[in-house]
Amino acid sequence: MKENILKTKSFSFSISIINLYKYLCDDKKEYVISKQLLRSGTSIGANICESEFSESKLDFIHKLSISQKEVNETIYWIELLYQTNYIEEEQFKQLQKQSLELMKLITASIKTAKQNIEKVNH
């Protein structure tokens, strides 16, 4: 079976987010933003997993669109944590890189799915 790069990368990102959440709670005693980050950051991969068994191409696009929104929200929380000195520049850059890579992959998948729908309809 072919590896699903989007699923693999989003799972790896979820692990990074969970580890950051634990660090923020344990070391920084930050519980509000970290909870938002945990929710949005792990939701990305969950929606990608759901998209694998979507009921239609439109449902597939919808699930990936939710992931796209969650990546965008996660980027916001990561930037906020960095700007308020909860995370160091190195960690920020690493998470930002992973986030932007996921955003590109998700956006490309959505674009391809939309193009496939257009081909079928013409």
PDB file of N, CA and C in Angstrom:
ATOM      1  N   MET A   1       0.839  -1.189   0.000  1.00  0.00           N
ATOM      2  CA  MET A   1       0.000   0.000   0.000  1.00  0.00           C
ATOM      3  C   MET A   1       0.881   1.248   0.000  1.00  0.00           C
ATOM      4  N   LYS A   2       0.515   2.212  -0.822  1.00  0.00           N
ATOM      5  CA  LYS A   2       1.287   3.443  -0.966  1.00  0.00           C
ATOM      6  C   LYS A   2       1.172   4.304   0.295  1.00  0.00           C
ATOM      7  N   GLU A   3       2.306   4.894   0.704  1.00  0.00           N
ATOM      8  CA  GLU A   3       2.308   5.753   1.883  1.00  0.00           C
ATOM      9  C   GLU A   3       1.524   7.027   1.605  1.00  0.00           C
ATOM     10  N   ASN A   4       0.694   7.418   2.546  1.00  0.00           N
ATOM     11  CA  ASN A   4      -0.042   8.674   2.460  1.00  0.00           C
ATOM     12  C   ASN A   4       0.809   9.734   3.158  1.00  0.00           C
ATOM     13  N   ILE A   5       1.531  10.525   2.366  1.00  0.00           N
ATOM     14  CA  ILE A   5       2.474  11.509   2.902  1.00  0.00           C
ATOM     15  C   ILE A   5       1.767  12.547   3.762  1.00  0.00           C
ATOM     16  N   LEU A   6       0.565  12.906   3.371  1.00  0.00           N
ATOM     17  CA  LEU A   6      -0.202  13.894   4.130  1.00  0.00           C
ATOM     18  C   LEU A   6      -0.566  13.343   5.521  1.00  0.00           C
ATOM     19  N   LYS A   7      -0.979  12.098   5.545  1.00  0.00           N
ATOM     20  CA  LYS A   7      -1.329  11.452   6.816  1.00  0.00           C
ATOM     21  C   LYS A   7      -0.086  11.309   7.701  1.00  0.00           C
ATOM     22  N   THR A   8       1.025  10.893   7.115  1.00  0.00           N
ATOM     23  CA  THR A   8       2.272  10.719   7.854  1.00  0.00           C
ATOM     24  C   THR A   8       2.767  12.035   8.439  1.00  0.00           C
ATOM     25  N   LYS A   9       2.784  13.071   7.626  1.00  0.00           N
ATOM     26  CA  LYS A   9       3.287  14.375   8.084  1.00  0.00           C
ATOM     27  C   LYS A   9       2.356  15.016   9.109  1.00  0.00           C
ATOM     28  N   SER A  10       1.059  14.847   8.927  1.00  0.00           N
ATOM     29  CA  SER A  10       0.122  15.432   9.897  1.00  0.00           C
ATOM     30  C   SER A  10       0.208  14.693  11.237  1.00  0.00           C
ATOM     31  N   PHE A  11       0.451  13.384  11.205  1.00  0.00           N
ATOM     32  CA  PHE A  11       0.610  12.615  12.439  1.00  0.00           C
ATOM     33  C   PHE A  11       1.872  13.064  13.177  1.00  0.00           C
ATOM     34  N   SER A  12       2.947  13.226  12.439  1.00  0.00           N
ATOM     35  CA  SER A  12       4.204  13.699  13.024  1.00  0.00           C
ATOM     36  C   SER A  12       4.022  15.095  13.630  1.00  0.00           C
ATOM     37  N   PHE A  13       3.281  15.948  12.927  1.00  0.00           N
ATOM     38  CA  PHE A  13       3.004  17.294  13.418  1.00  0.00           C
ATOM     39  C   PHE A  13       2.179  17.228  14.706  1.00  0.00           C
ATOM     40  N   SER A  14       1.200  16.335  14.748  1.00  0.00           N
ATOM     41  CA  SER A  14       0.381  16.173  15.957  1.00  0.00           C
ATOM     42  C   SER A  14       1.253  15.805  17.156  1.00  0.00           C
ATOM     43  N   ILE A  15       2.227  14.955  16.936  1.00  0.00           N
ATOM     44  CA  ILE A  15       3.153  14.579  18.013  1.00  0.00           C
ATOM     45  C   ILE A  15       3.926  15.804  18.498  1.00  0.00           C
ATOM     46  N   SER A  16       4.391  16.614  17.554  1.00  0.00           N
ATOM     47  CA  SER A  16       5.103  17.854  17.927  1.00  0.00           C
ATOM     48  C   SER A  16       4.204  18.774  18.751  1.00  0.00           C
ATOM     49  N   ILE A  17       2.949  18.875  18.347  1.00  0.00           N
ATOM     50  CA  ILE A  17       1.998  19.737  19.047  1.00  0.00           C
ATOM     51  C   ILE A  17       1.712  19.207  20.459  1.00  0.00           C
ATOM     52  N   ILE A  18       1.538  17.901  20.581  1.00  0.00           N
ATOM     53  CA  ILE A  18       1.290  17.301  21.899  1.00  0.00           C
ATOM     54  C   ILE A  18       2.491  17.529  22.818  1.00  0.00           C
ATOM     55  N   ASN A  19       3.687  17.360  22.280  1.00  0.00           N
ATOM     56  CA  ASN A  19       4.893  17.591  23.081  1.00  0.00           C
ATOM     57  C   ASN A  19       5.013  19.054  23.494  1.00  0.00           C
ATOM     58  N   LEU A  20       4.665  19.966  22.600  1.00  0.00           N
ATOM     59  CA  LEU A  20       4.684  21.389  22.936  1.00  0.00           C
ATOM     60  C   LEU A  20       3.638  21.685  24.011  1.00  0.00           C
ATOM     61  N   TYR A  21       2.476  21.088  23.872  1.00  0.00           N
ATOM     62  CA  TYR A  21       1.410  21.272  24.870  1.00  0.00           C
ATOM     63  C   TYR A  21       1.890  20.837  26.259  1.00  0.00           C
ATOM     64  N   LYS A  22       2.522  19.680  26.335  1.00  0.00           N
ATOM     65  CA  LYS A  22       3.025  19.178  27.619  1.00  0.00           C
ATOM     66  C   LYS A  22       4.074  20.139  28.196  1.00  0.00           C
ATOM     67  N   TYR A  23       4.958  20.628  27.341  1.00  0.00           N
ATOM     68  CA  TYR A  23       5.983  21.579  27.766  1.00  0.00           C
ATOM     69  C   TYR A  23       5.345  22.870  28.292  1.00  0.00           C
ATOM     70  N   LEU A  24       4.376  23.387  27.548  1.00  0.00           N
ATOM     71  CA  LEU A  24       3.733  24.641  27.953  1.00  0.00           C
ATOM     72  C   LEU A  24       3.015  24.500  29.293  1.00  0.00           C
ATOM     73  N   CYS A  25       2.363  23.383  29.486  1.00  0.00           N
ATOM     74  CA  CYS A  25       1.647  23.152  30.756  1.00  0.00           C
ATOM     75  C   CYS A  25       2.617  22.894  31.908  1.00  0.00           C
ATOM     76  N   ASP A  26       3.563  22.004  31.689  1.00  0.00           N
ATOM     77  CA  ASP A  26       4.472  21.593  32.767  1.00  0.00           C
ATOM     78  C   ASP A  26       5.513  22.654  33.118  1.00  0.00           C
ATOM     79  N   ASP A  27       6.150  23.223  32.114  1.00  0.00           N
ATOM     80  CA  ASP A  27       7.263  24.139  32.362  1.00  0.00           C
ATOM     81  C   ASP A  27       6.852  25.608  32.413  1.00  0.00           C
ATOM     82  N   LYS A  28       5.925  25.994  31.569  1.00  0.00           N
ATOM     83  CA  LYS A  28       5.546  27.405  31.463  1.00  0.00           C
ATOM     84  C   LYS A  28       4.257  27.740  32.210  1.00  0.00           C
ATOM     85  N   LYS A  29       3.562  26.709  32.677  1.00  0.00           N
ATOM     86  CA  LYS A  29       2.286  26.891  33.393  1.00  0.00           C
ATOM     87  C   LYS A  29       1.286  27.695  32.556  1.00  0.00           C
ATOM     88  N   GLU A  30       1.279  27.431  31.256  1.00  0.00           N
ATOM     89  CA  GLU A  30       0.364  28.092  30.337  1.00  0.00           C
ATOM     90  C   GLU A  30      -0.695  27.073  29.945  1.00  0.00           C
ATOM     91  N   TYR A  31      -1.969  27.377  30.229  1.00  0.00           N
ATOM     92  CA  TYR A  31      -3.032  26.387  30.044  1.00  0.00           C
ATOM     93  C   TYR A  31      -4.114  26.790  29.047  1.00  0.00           C
ATOM     94  N   VAL A  32      -4.211  28.058  28.699  1.00  0.00           N
ATOM     95  CA  VAL A  32      -5.302  28.521  27.846  1.00  0.00           C
ATOM     96  C   VAL A  32      -4.940  28.426  26.365  1.00  0.00           C
ATOM     97  N   ILE A  33      -3.904  29.120  25.968  1.00  0.00           N
ATOM     98  CA  ILE A  33      -3.484  29.087  24.558  1.00  0.00           C
ATOM     99  C   ILE A  33      -3.029  27.680  24.183  1.00  0.00           C
ATOM    100  N   SER A  34      -2.349  27.020  25.097  1.00  0.00           N
ATOM    101  CA  SER A  34      -1.850  25.673  24.811  1.00  0.00           C
ATOM    102  C   SER A  34      -2.997  24.711  24.509  1.00  0.00           C
ATOM    103  N   LYS A  35      -4.123  24.877  25.175  1.00  0.00           N
ATOM    104  CA  LYS A  35      -5.283  24.017  24.931  1.00  0.00           C
ATOM    105  C   LYS A  35      -5.864  24.283  23.536  1.00  0.00           C
ATOM    106  N   GLN A  36      -5.895  25.536  23.136  1.00  0.00           N
ATOM    107  CA  GLN A  36      -6.354  25.900  21.793  1.00  0.00           C
ATOM    108  C   GLN A  36      -5.420  25.308  20.743  1.00  0.00           C
ATOM    109  N   LEU A  37      -4.124  25.423  21.004  1.00  0.00           N
ATOM    110  CA  LEU A  37      -3.108  24.864  20.105  1.00  0.00           C
ATOM    111  C   LEU A  37      -3.260  23.355  19.977  1.00  0.00           C
ATOM    112  N   LEU A  38      -3.458  22.686  21.100  1.00  0.00           N
ATOM    113  CA  LEU A  38      -3.626  21.235  21.102  1.00  0.00           C
ATOM    114  C   LEU A  38      -4.836  20.835  20.259  1.00  0.00           C
ATOM    115  N   ARG A  39      -5.941  21.532  20.440  1.00  0.00           N
ATOM    116  CA  ARG A  39      -7.163  21.216  19.711  1.00  0.00           C
ATOM    117  C   ARG A  39      -6.983  21.411  18.200  1.00  0.00           C
ATOM    118  N   SER A  40      -6.497  22.584  17.804  1.00  0.00           N
ATOM    119  CA  SER A  40      -6.368  22.852  16.365  1.00  0.00           C
ATOM    120  C   SER A  40      -5.245  22.033  15.727  1.00  0.00           C
ATOM    121  N   GLY A  41      -4.134  21.888  16.434  1.00  0.00           N
ATOM    122  CA  GLY A  41      -2.980  21.189  15.884  1.00  0.00           C
ATOM    123  C   GLY A  41      -3.181  19.701  15.673  1.00  0.00           C
ATOM    124  N   THR A  42      -3.975  19.081  16.546  1.00  0.00           N
ATOM    125  CA  THR A  42      -4.240  17.650  16.382  1.00  0.00           C
ATOM    126  C   THR A  42      -5.457  17.389  15.492  1.00  0.00           C
ATOM    127  N   SER A  43      -6.292  18.383  15.337  1.00  0.00           N
ATOM    128  CA  SER A  43      -7.474  18.261  14.480  1.00  0.00           C
ATOM    129  C   SER A  43      -7.089  18.137  13.005  1.00  0.00           C
ATOM    130  N   ILE A  44      -5.943  18.678  12.648  1.00  0.00           N
ATOM    131  CA  ILE A  44      -5.474  18.629  11.256  1.00  0.00           C
ATOM    132  C   ILE A  44      -5.408  17.176  10.783  1.00  0.00           C
ATOM    133  N   GLY A  45      -4.659  16.379  11.509  1.00  0.00           N
ATOM    134  CA  GLY A  45      -4.488  14.976  11.143  1.00  0.00           C
ATOM    135  C   GLY A  45      -5.767  14.167  11.261  1.00  0.00           C
ATOM    136  N   ALA A  46      -6.579  14.498  12.257  1.00  0.00           N
ATOM    137  CA  ALA A  46      -7.842  13.775  12.436  1.00  0.00           C
ATOM    138  C   ALA A  46      -8.745  13.963  11.223  1.00  0.00           C
ATOM    139  N   ASN A  47      -8.813  15.170  10.704  1.00  0.00           N
ATOM    140  CA  ASN A  47      -9.643  15.432   9.525  1.00  0.00           C
ATOM    141  C   ASN A  47      -9.049  14.818   8.262  1.00  0.00           C
ATOM    142  N   ILE A  48      -7.741  14.756   8.200  1.00  0.00           N
ATOM    143  CA  ILE A  48      -7.094  14.088   7.066  1.00  0.00           C
ATOM    144  C   ILE A  48      -7.441  12.601   7.094  1.00  0.00           C
ATOM    145  N   CYS A  49      -7.415  12.003   8.284  1.00  0.00           N
ATOM    146  CA  CYS A  49      -7.809  10.590   8.421  1.00  0.00           C
ATOM    147  C   CYS A  49      -9.261  10.389   8.008  1.00  0.00           C
ATOM    148  N   GLU A  50     -10.127  11.296   8.424  1.00  0.00           N
ATOM    149  CA  GLU A  50     -11.533  11.198   8.036  1.00  0.00           C
ATOM    150  C   GLU A  50     -11.698  11.282   6.519  1.00  0.00           C
ATOM    151  N   SER A  51     -10.878  12.103   5.884  1.00  0.00           N
ATOM    152  CA  SER A  51     -10.999  12.293   4.429  1.00  0.00           C
ATOM    153  C   SER A  51     -10.703  11.009   3.654  1.00  0.00           C
ATOM    154  N   GLU A  52      -9.914  10.116   4.252  1.00  0.00           N
ATOM    155  CA  GLU A  52      -9.583   8.855   3.588  1.00  0.00           C
ATOM    156  C   GLU A  52     -10.824   8.011   3.299  1.00  0.00           C
ATOM    157  N   PHE A  53     -11.825   8.141   4.139  1.00  0.00           N
ATOM    158  CA  PHE A  53     -13.054   7.368   3.972  1.00  0.00           C
ATOM    159  C   PHE A  53     -14.247   8.279   3.702  1.00  0.00           C
ATOM    160  N   SER A  54     -13.965   9.344   2.968  1.00  0.00           N
ATOM    161  CA  SER A  54     -15.036  10.288   2.634  1.00  0.00           C
ATOM    162  C   SER A  54     -16.072   9.617   1.731  1.00  0.00           C
ATOM    163  N   GLU A  55     -17.265  10.139   1.789  1.00  0.00           N
ATOM    164  CA  GLU A  55     -18.383   9.562   1.059  1.00  0.00           C
ATOM    165  C   GLU A  55     -18.404   9.984  -0.409  1.00  0.00           C
ATOM    166  N   SER A  56     -17.733  11.075  -0.712  1.00  0.00           N
ATOM    167  CA  SER A  56     -17.703  11.586  -2.084  1.00  0.00           C
ATOM    168  C   SER A  56     -16.488  12.506  -2.231  1.00  0.00           C
ATOM    169  N   LYS A  57     -16.228  12.929  -3.461  1.00  0.00           N
ATOM    170  CA  LYS A  57     -15.132  13.885  -3.694  1.00  0.00           C
ATOM    171  C   LYS A  57     -15.406  15.197  -2.968  1.00  0.00           C
ATOM    172  N   LEU A  58     -16.674  15.606  -2.952  1.00  0.00           N
ATOM    173  CA  LEU A  58     -17.017  16.848  -2.252  1.00  0.00           C
ATOM    174  C   LEU A  58     -16.795  16.714  -0.744  1.00  0.00           C
ATOM    175  N   ASP A  59     -17.125  15.559  -0.191  1.00  0.00           N
ATOM    176  CA  ASP A  59     -16.887  15.304   1.221  1.00  0.00           C
ATOM    177  C   ASP A  59     -15.382  15.290   1.509  1.00  0.00           C
ATOM    178  N   PHE A  60     -14.611  14.700   0.610  1.00  0.00           N
ATOM    179  CA  PHE A  60     -13.153  14.677   0.703  1.00  0.00           C
ATOM    180  C   PHE A  60     -12.611  16.107   0.754  1.00  0.00           C
ATOM    181  N   ILE A  61     -13.077  16.938  -0.157  1.00  0.00           N
ATOM    182  CA  ILE A  61     -12.643  18.339  -0.208  1.00  0.00           C
ATOM    183  C   ILE A  61     -13.040  19.062   1.072  1.00  0.00           C
ATOM    184  N   HIS A  62     -14.248  18.789   1.548  1.00  0.00           N
ATOM    185  CA  HIS A  62     -14.739  19.426   2.768  1.00  0.00           C
ATOM    186  C   HIS A  62     -13.845  19.082   3.964  1.00  0.00           C
ATOM    187  N   LYS A  63     -13.508  17.811   4.126  1.00  0.00           N
ATOM    188  CA  LYS A  63     -12.658  17.382   5.247  1.00  0.00           C
ATOM    189  C   LYS A  63     -11.272  18.029   5.167  1.00  0.00           C
ATOM    190  N   LEU A  64     -10.717  18.067   3.956  1.00  0.00           N
ATOM    191  CA  LEU A  64      -9.400  18.698   3.799  1.00  0.00           C
ATOM    192  C   LEU A  64      -9.475  20.206   4.003  1.00  0.00           C
ATOM    193  N   SER A  65     -10.604  20.802   3.646  1.00  0.00           N
ATOM    194  CA  SER A  65     -10.787  22.243   3.868  1.00  0.00           C
ATOM    195  C   SER A  65     -10.818  22.557   5.361  1.00  0.00           C
ATOM    196  N   ILE A  66     -11.410  21.673   6.138  1.00  0.00           N
ATOM    197  CA  ILE A  66     -11.398  21.845   7.596  1.00  0.00           C
ATOM    198  C   ILE A  66      -9.952  21.757   8.101  1.00  0.00           C
ATOM    199  N   SER A  67      -9.198  20.790   7.592  1.00  0.00           N
ATOM    200  CA  SER A  67      -7.779  20.675   7.971  1.00  0.00           C
ATOM    201  C   SER A  67      -7.015  21.941   7.621  1.00  0.00           C
ATOM    202  N   GLN A  68      -7.316  22.490   6.464  1.00  0.00           N
ATOM    203  CA  GLN A  68      -6.663  23.725   6.010  1.00  0.00           C
ATOM    204  C   GLN A  68      -6.935  24.864   7.009  1.00  0.00           C
ATOM    205  N   LYS A  69      -8.167  24.991   7.440  1.00  0.00           N
ATOM    206  CA  LYS A  69      -8.524  26.025   8.421  1.00  0.00           C
ATOM    207  C   LYS A  69      -7.830  25.783   9.753  1.00  0.00           C
ATOM    208  N   GLU A  70      -7.732  24.527  10.140  1.00  0.00           N
ATOM    209  CA  GLU A  70      -7.081  24.186  11.407  1.00  0.00           C
ATOM    210  C   GLU A  70      -5.576  24.481  11.359  1.00  0.00           C
ATOM    211  N   VAL A  71      -4.950  24.248  10.208  1.00  0.00           N
ATOM    212  CA  VAL A  71      -3.527  24.606  10.064  1.00  0.00           C
ATOM    213  C   VAL A  71      -3.369  26.108  10.239  1.00  0.00           C
ATOM    214  N   ASN A  72      -4.242  26.861   9.591  1.00  0.00           N
ATOM    215  CA  ASN A  72      -4.170  28.314   9.675  1.00  0.00           C
ATOM    216  C   ASN A  72      -4.320  28.789  11.119  1.00  0.00           C
ATOM    217  N   GLU A  73      -5.267  28.199  11.848  1.00  0.00           N
ATOM    218  CA  GLU A  73      -5.455  28.554  13.257  1.00  0.00           C
ATOM    219  C   GLU A  73      -4.225  28.170  14.077  1.00  0.00           C
ATOM    220  N   THR A  74      -3.675  27.004  13.807  1.00  0.00           N
ATOM    221  CA  THR A  74      -2.495  26.538  14.536  1.00  0.00           C
ATOM    222  C   THR A  74      -1.316  27.478  14.319  1.00  0.00           C
ATOM    223  N   ILE A  75      -1.136  27.946  13.087  1.00  0.00           N
ATOM    224  CA  ILE A  75      -0.071  28.911  12.796  1.00  0.00           C
ATOM    225  C   ILE A  75      -0.251  30.162  13.650  1.00  0.00           C
ATOM    226  N   TYR A  76      -1.501  30.599  13.782  1.00  0.00           N
ATOM    227  CA  TYR A  76      -1.797  31.762  14.621  1.00  0.00           C
ATOM    228  C   TYR A  76      -1.343  31.542  16.060  1.00  0.00           C
ATOM    229  N   TRP A  77      -1.705  30.398  16.654  1.00  0.00           N
ATOM    230  CA  TRP A  77      -1.342  30.114  18.043  1.00  0.00           C
ATOM    231  C   TRP A  77       0.172  30.001  18.205  1.00  0.00           C
ATOM    232  N   ILE A  78       0.831  29.380  17.238  1.00  0.00           N
ATOM    233  CA  ILE A  78       2.293  29.237  17.303  1.00  0.00           C
ATOM    234  C   ILE A  78       2.958  30.613  17.272  1.00  0.00           C
ATOM    235  N   GLU A  79       2.476  31.471  16.377  1.00  0.00           N
ATOM    236  CA  GLU A  79       3.038  32.830  16.289  1.00  0.00           C
ATOM    237  C   GLU A  79       2.786  33.612  17.577  1.00  0.00           C
ATOM    238  N   LEU A  80       1.598  33.453  18.134  1.00  0.00           N
ATOM    239  CA  LEU A  80       1.258  34.140  19.378  1.00  0.00           C
ATOM    240  C   LEU A  80       2.151  33.661  20.529  1.00  0.00           C
ATOM    241  N   LEU A  81       2.361  32.359  20.615  1.00  0.00           N
ATOM    242  CA  LEU A  81       3.234  31.810  21.656  1.00  0.00           C
ATOM    243  C   LEU A  81       4.665  32.307  21.505  1.00  0.00           C
ATOM    244  N   TYR A  82       5.114  32.449  20.274  1.00  0.00           N
ATOM    245  CA  TYR A  82       6.463  32.946  20.029  1.00  0.00           C
ATOM    246  C   TYR A  82       6.570  34.432  20.398  1.00  0.00           C
ATOM    247  N   GLN A  83       5.613  35.212  19.951  1.00  0.00           N
ATOM    248  CA  GLN A  83       5.643  36.658  20.196  1.00  0.00           C
ATOM    249  C   GLN A  83       5.478  37.012  21.676  1.00  0.00           C
ATOM    250  N   THR A  84       4.932  36.096  22.454  1.00  0.00           N
ATOM    251  CA  THR A  84       4.761  36.332  23.894  1.00  0.00           C
ATOM    252  C   THR A  84       5.802  35.573  24.724  1.00  0.00           C
ATOM    253  N   ASN A  85       6.835  35.104  24.051  1.00  0.00           N
ATOM    254  CA  ASN A  85       8.003  34.478  24.695  1.00  0.00           C
ATOM    255  C   ASN A  85       7.717  33.169  25.425  1.00  0.00           C
ATOM    256  N   TYR A  86       6.704  32.434  24.978  1.00  0.00           N
ATOM    257  CA  TYR A  86       6.463  31.109  25.543  1.00  0.00           C
ATOM    258  C   TYR A  86       7.305  30.047  24.850  1.00  0.00           C
ATOM    259  N   ILE A  87       7.636  30.287  23.582  1.00  0.00           N
ATOM    260  CA  ILE A  87       8.515  29.353  22.871  1.00  0.00           C
ATOM    261  C   ILE A  87       9.675  30.122  22.253  1.00  0.00           C
ATOM    262  N   GLU A  88      10.785  29.418  22.099  1.00  0.00           N
ATOM    263  CA  GLU A  88      12.003  30.013  21.541  1.00  0.00           C
ATOM    264  C   GLU A  88      11.919  30.068  20.015  1.00  0.00           C
ATOM    265  N   GLU A  89      12.771  30.870  19.430  1.00  0.00           N
ATOM    266  CA  GLU A  89      12.786  31.063  17.978  1.00  0.00           C
ATOM    267  C   GLU A  89      13.012  29.753  17.221  1.00  0.00           C
ATOM    268  N   GLU A  90      13.908  28.919  17.714  1.00  0.00           N
ATOM    269  CA  GLU A  90      14.207  27.632  17.064  1.00  0.00           C
ATOM    270  C   GLU A  90      12.950  26.753  16.970  1.00  0.00           C
ATOM    271  N   GLN A  91      12.241  26.643  18.079  1.00  0.00           N
ATOM    272  CA  GLN A  91      11.016  25.837  18.113  1.00  0.00           C
ATOM    273  C   GLN A  91       9.939  26.450  17.220  1.00  0.00           C
ATOM    274  N   PHE A  92       9.831  27.767  17.262  1.00  0.00           N
ATOM    275  CA  PHE A  92       8.875  28.482  16.419  1.00  0.00           C
ATOM    276  C   PHE A  92       9.130  28.193  14.942  1.00  0.00           C
ATOM    277  N   LYS A  93      10.391  28.326  14.534  1.00  0.00           N
ATOM    278  CA  LYS A  93      10.733  28.111  13.119  1.00  0.00           C
ATOM    279  C   LYS A  93      10.446  26.679  12.679  1.00  0.00           C
ATOM    280  N   GLN A  94      10.746  25.721  13.547  1.00  0.00           N
ATOM    281  CA  GLN A  94      10.499  24.311  13.247  1.00  0.00           C
ATOM    282  C   GLN A  94       9.003  24.049  13.057  1.00  0.00           C
ATOM    283  N   LEU A  95       8.192  24.538  13.988  1.00  0.00           N
ATOM    284  CA  LEU A  95       6.744  24.331  13.915  1.00  0.00           C
ATOM    285  C   LEU A  95       6.122  25.100  12.749  1.00  0.00           C
ATOM    286  N   GLN A  96       6.631  26.277  12.501  1.00  0.00           N
ATOM    287  CA  GLN A  96       6.137  27.070  11.378  1.00  0.00           C
ATOM    288  C   GLN A  96       6.449  26.359  10.054  1.00  0.00           C
ATOM    289  N   LYS A  97       7.632  25.806   9.954  1.00  0.00           N
ATOM    290  CA  LYS A  97       8.021  25.071   8.747  1.00  0.00           C
ATOM    291  C   LYS A  97       7.091  23.878   8.518  1.00  0.00           C
ATOM    292  N   GLN A  98       6.850  23.102   9.581  1.00  0.00           N
ATOM    293  CA  GLN A  98       5.950  21.954   9.473  1.00  0.00           C
ATOM    294  C   GLN A  98       4.537  22.405   9.093  1.00  0.00           C
ATOM    295  N   SER A  99       4.065  23.477   9.703  1.00  0.00           N
ATOM    296  CA  SER A  99       2.723  23.994   9.433  1.00  0.00           C
ATOM    297  C   SER A  99       2.571  24.423   7.981  1.00  0.00           C
ATOM    298  N   LEU A 100       3.530  25.167   7.494  1.00  0.00           N
ATOM    299  CA  LEU A 100       3.456  25.665   6.121  1.00  0.00           C
ATOM    300  C   LEU A 100       3.557  24.529   5.107  1.00  0.00           C
ATOM    301  N   GLU A 101       4.353  23.517   5.429  1.00  0.00           N
ATOM    302  CA  GLU A 101       4.444  22.352   4.556  1.00  0.00           C
ATOM    303  C   GLU A 101       3.102  21.619   4.490  1.00  0.00           C
ATOM    304  N   LEU A 102       2.471  21.451   5.648  1.00  0.00           N
ATOM    305  CA  LEU A 102       1.151  20.820   5.682  1.00  0.00           C
ATOM    306  C   LEU A 102       0.144  21.644   4.887  1.00  0.00           C
ATOM    307  N   MET A 103       0.192  22.964   5.051  1.00  0.00           N
ATOM    308  CA  MET A 103      -0.735  23.844   4.329  1.00  0.00           C
ATOM    309  C   MET A 103      -0.564  23.670   2.821  1.00  0.00           C
ATOM    310  N   LYS A 104       0.664  23.613   2.356  1.00  0.00           N
ATOM    311  CA  LYS A 104       0.924  23.433   0.919  1.00  0.00           C
ATOM    312  C   LYS A 104       0.402  22.096   0.414  1.00  0.00           C
ATOM    313  N   LEU A 105       0.653  21.040   1.179  1.00  0.00           N
ATOM    314  CA  LEU A 105       0.197  19.700   0.781  1.00  0.00           C
ATOM    315  C   LEU A 105      -1.328  19.612   0.755  1.00  0.00           C
ATOM    316  N   ILE A 106      -1.972  20.165   1.773  1.00  0.00           N
ATOM    317  CA  ILE A 106      -3.435  20.134   1.843  1.00  0.00           C
ATOM    318  C   ILE A 106      -4.035  20.950   0.702  1.00  0.00           C
ATOM    319  N   THR A 107      -3.499  22.134   0.479  1.00  0.00           N
ATOM    320  CA  THR A 107      -3.994  23.005  -0.589  1.00  0.00           C
ATOM    321  C   THR A 107      -3.844  22.336  -1.946  1.00  0.00           C
ATOM    322  N   ALA A 108      -2.713  21.682  -2.171  1.00  0.00           N
ATOM    323  CA  ALA A 108      -2.488  20.975  -3.437  1.00  0.00           C
ATOM    324  C   ALA A 108      -3.473  19.817  -3.596  1.00  0.00           C
ATOM    325  N   SER A 109      -3.745  19.103  -2.521  1.00  0.00           N
ATOM    326  CA  SER A 109      -4.699  17.984  -2.574  1.00  0.00           C
ATOM    327  C   SER A 109      -6.107  18.474  -2.883  1.00  0.00           C
ATOM    328  N   ILE A 110      -6.494  19.571  -2.271  1.00  0.00           N
ATOM    329  CA  ILE A 110      -7.816  20.160  -2.545  1.00  0.00           C
ATOM    330  C   ILE A 110      -7.909  20.590  -4.001  1.00  0.00           C
ATOM    331  N   LYS A 111      -6.870  21.247  -4.474  1.00  0.00           N
ATOM    332  CA  LYS A 111      -6.846  21.725  -5.865  1.00  0.00           C
ATOM    333  C   LYS A 111      -6.965  20.556  -6.845  1.00  0.00           C
ATOM    334  N   THR A 112      -6.215  19.496  -6.587  1.00  0.00           N
ATOM    335  CA  THR A 112      -6.267  18.309  -7.447  1.00  0.00           C
ATOM    336  C   THR A 112      -7.658  17.675  -7.428  1.00  0.00           C
ATOM    337  N   ALA A 113      -8.247  17.556  -6.250  1.00  0.00           N
ATOM    338  CA  ALA A 113      -9.588  16.963  -6.137  1.00  0.00           C
ATOM    339  C   ALA A 113     -10.611  17.803  -6.896  1.00  0.00           C
ATOM    340  N   LYS A 114     -10.501  19.127  -6.798  1.00  0.00           N
ATOM    341  CA  LYS A 114     -11.431  20.011  -7.531  1.00  0.00           C
ATOM    342  C   LYS A 114     -11.244  19.856  -9.040  1.00  0.00           C
ATOM    343  N   GLN A 115      -9.994  19.747  -9.477  1.00  0.00           N
ATOM    344  CA  GLN A 115      -9.724  19.562 -10.910  1.00  0.00           C
ATOM    345  C   GLN A 115     -10.296  18.233 -11.398  1.00  0.00           C
ATOM    346  N   ASN A 116     -10.193  17.191 -10.580  1.00  0.00           N
ATOM    347  CA  ASN A 116     -10.748  15.874 -10.954  1.00  0.00           C
ATOM    348  C   ASN A 116     -12.260  15.925 -11.079  1.00  0.00           C
ATOM    349  N   ILE A 117     -12.901  16.702 -10.213  1.00  0.00           N
ATOM    350  CA  ILE A 117     -14.356  16.866 -10.310  1.00  0.00           C
ATOM    351  C   ILE A 117     -14.715  17.582 -11.614  1.00  0.00           C
ATOM    352  N   GLU A 118     -13.944  18.618 -11.941  1.00  0.00           N
ATOM    353  CA  GLU A 118     -14.212  19.371 -13.179  1.00  0.00           C
ATOM    354  C   GLU A 118     -14.048  18.490 -14.419  1.00  0.00           C
ATOM    355  N   LYS A 119     -13.043  17.612 -14.392  1.00  0.00           N
ATOM    356  CA  LYS A 119     -12.823  16.701 -15.527  1.00  0.00           C
ATOM    357  C   LYS A 119     -14.018  15.780 -15.730  1.00  0.00           C
ATOM    358  N   VAL A 120     -14.547  15.283 -14.629  1.00  0.00           N
ATOM    359  CA  VAL A 120     -15.693  14.365 -14.689  1.00  0.00           C
ATOM    360  C   VAL A 120     -16.944  15.091 -15.194  1.00  0.00           C
ATOM    361  N   ASN A 121     -17.078  16.346 -14.814  1.00  0.00           N
ATOM    362  CA  ASN A 121     -18.270  17.116 -15.182  1.00  0.00           C
ATOM    363  C   ASN A 121     -18.214  17.697 -16.591  1.00  0.00           C
ATOM    364  N   HIS A 122     -17.109  17.543 -17.264  1.00  0.00           N
ATOM    365  CA  HIS A 122     -17.011  18.083 -18.642  1.00  0.00           C
ATOM    366  C   HIS A 122     -16.917  17.013 -19.666  1.00  0.00           C
TER     367      HIS A 122
END
